[in-house]
Amino acid sequence: MLCKGNLEILKELKRRIHIHHIDYDKKNTFQ
């Protein structure tokens, strides 16, 4: 079972991954 701490970690990971994908898309767009 997920405790509150794990949920916060998952949210943070998803946020970082989302930002990473945006940066990746920008790099691909500007190449």
N, C-alpha and C. Protein backbone atom coordinates (compact mmCIF):
# COMPACT_ATOMS: atom_id res chain seq x y z
N MET A 1 0.83 -1.21 0.00
CA MET A 1 0.00 0.00 0.00
C MET A 1 0.86 1.26 0.00
N LEU A 2 0.39 2.26 -0.69
CA LEU A 2 1.13 3.51 -0.76
C LEU A 2 0.84 4.37 0.46
N CYS A 3 1.90 4.80 1.12
CA CYS A 3 1.70 5.76 2.20
C CYS A 3 1.76 7.17 1.61
N LYS A 4 1.44 8.14 2.42
CA LYS A 4 1.40 9.52 1.92
C LYS A 4 2.75 9.95 1.37
N GLY A 5 3.82 9.54 2.02
CA GLY A 5 5.15 9.90 1.55
C GLY A 5 5.42 9.38 0.14
N ASN A 6 5.03 8.13 -0.11
CA ASN A 6 5.23 7.56 -1.45
C ASN A 6 4.43 8.31 -2.49
N LEU A 7 3.20 8.72 -2.15
CA LEU A 7 2.39 9.48 -3.10
C LEU A 7 3.07 10.80 -3.45
N GLU A 8 3.64 11.46 -2.46
CA GLU A 8 4.33 12.73 -2.71
C GLU A 8 5.53 12.50 -3.62
N ILE A 9 6.26 11.41 -3.38
CA ILE A 9 7.43 11.09 -4.22
C ILE A 9 6.98 10.82 -5.66
N LEU A 10 5.90 10.06 -5.81
CA LEU A 10 5.39 9.78 -7.16
C LEU A 10 4.97 11.06 -7.87
N LYS A 11 4.32 11.96 -7.15
CA LYS A 11 3.91 13.24 -7.76
C LYS A 11 5.13 14.01 -8.23
N GLU A 12 6.16 14.04 -7.39
CA GLU A 12 7.39 14.77 -7.74
C GLU A 12 8.06 14.14 -8.95
N LEU A 13 8.12 12.80 -8.99
CA LEU A 13 8.73 12.12 -10.14
C LEU A 13 7.95 12.43 -11.42
N LYS A 14 6.63 12.36 -11.34
CA LYS A 14 5.81 12.65 -12.52
C LYS A 14 6.03 14.07 -13.00
N ARG A 15 6.15 15.01 -12.04
CA ARG A 15 6.36 16.41 -12.40
C ARG A 15 7.71 16.56 -13.10
N ARG A 16 8.74 15.92 -12.56
CA ARG A 16 10.08 16.02 -13.17
C ARG A 16 10.09 15.39 -14.55
N ILE A 17 9.44 14.25 -14.69
CA ILE A 17 9.38 13.57 -15.99
C ILE A 17 8.65 14.46 -16.99
N HIS A 18 7.57 15.08 -16.55
CA HIS A 18 6.80 15.96 -17.44
C HIS A 18 7.67 17.12 -17.92
N ILE A 19 8.40 17.75 -17.00
CA ILE A 19 9.29 18.85 -17.36
C ILE A 19 10.36 18.35 -18.32
N HIS A 20 10.91 17.18 -18.06
CA HIS A 20 11.94 16.60 -18.92
C HIS A 20 11.40 16.40 -20.33
N HIS A 21 10.17 15.90 -20.45
CA HIS A 21 9.58 15.67 -21.77
C HIS A 21 9.37 16.98 -22.51
N ILE A 22 8.98 18.03 -21.79
CA ILE A 22 8.79 19.34 -22.43
C ILE A 22 10.14 19.83 -22.98
N ASP A 23 11.19 19.71 -22.17
CA ASP A 23 12.53 20.13 -22.62
C ASP A 23 12.97 19.30 -23.82
N TYR A 24 12.69 18.01 -23.78
CA TYR A 24 13.07 17.11 -24.87
C TYR A 24 12.34 17.50 -26.16
N ASP A 25 11.05 17.80 -26.04
CA ASP A 25 10.28 18.22 -27.21
C ASP A 25 10.83 19.52 -27.78
N LYS A 26 11.21 20.46 -26.91
CA LYS A 26 11.77 21.73 -27.39
C LYS A 26 13.06 21.48 -28.15
N LYS A 27 13.93 20.64 -27.62
CA LYS A 27 15.20 20.33 -28.29
C LYS A 27 14.93 19.74 -29.67
N ASN A 28 14.00 18.80 -29.74
CA ASN A 28 13.69 18.18 -31.02
C ASN A 28 13.08 19.18 -32.00
N THR A 29 12.27 20.08 -31.48
CA THR A 29 11.62 21.07 -32.34
C THR A 29 12.65 22.02 -32.94
N PHE A 30 13.64 22.41 -32.14
CA PHE A 30 14.59 23.42 -32.60
C PHE A 30 15.78 22.85 -33.35
N GLN A 31 15.84 21.55 -33.49
CA GLN A 31 16.97 20.96 -34.22
C GLN A 31 16.83 21.19 -35.71
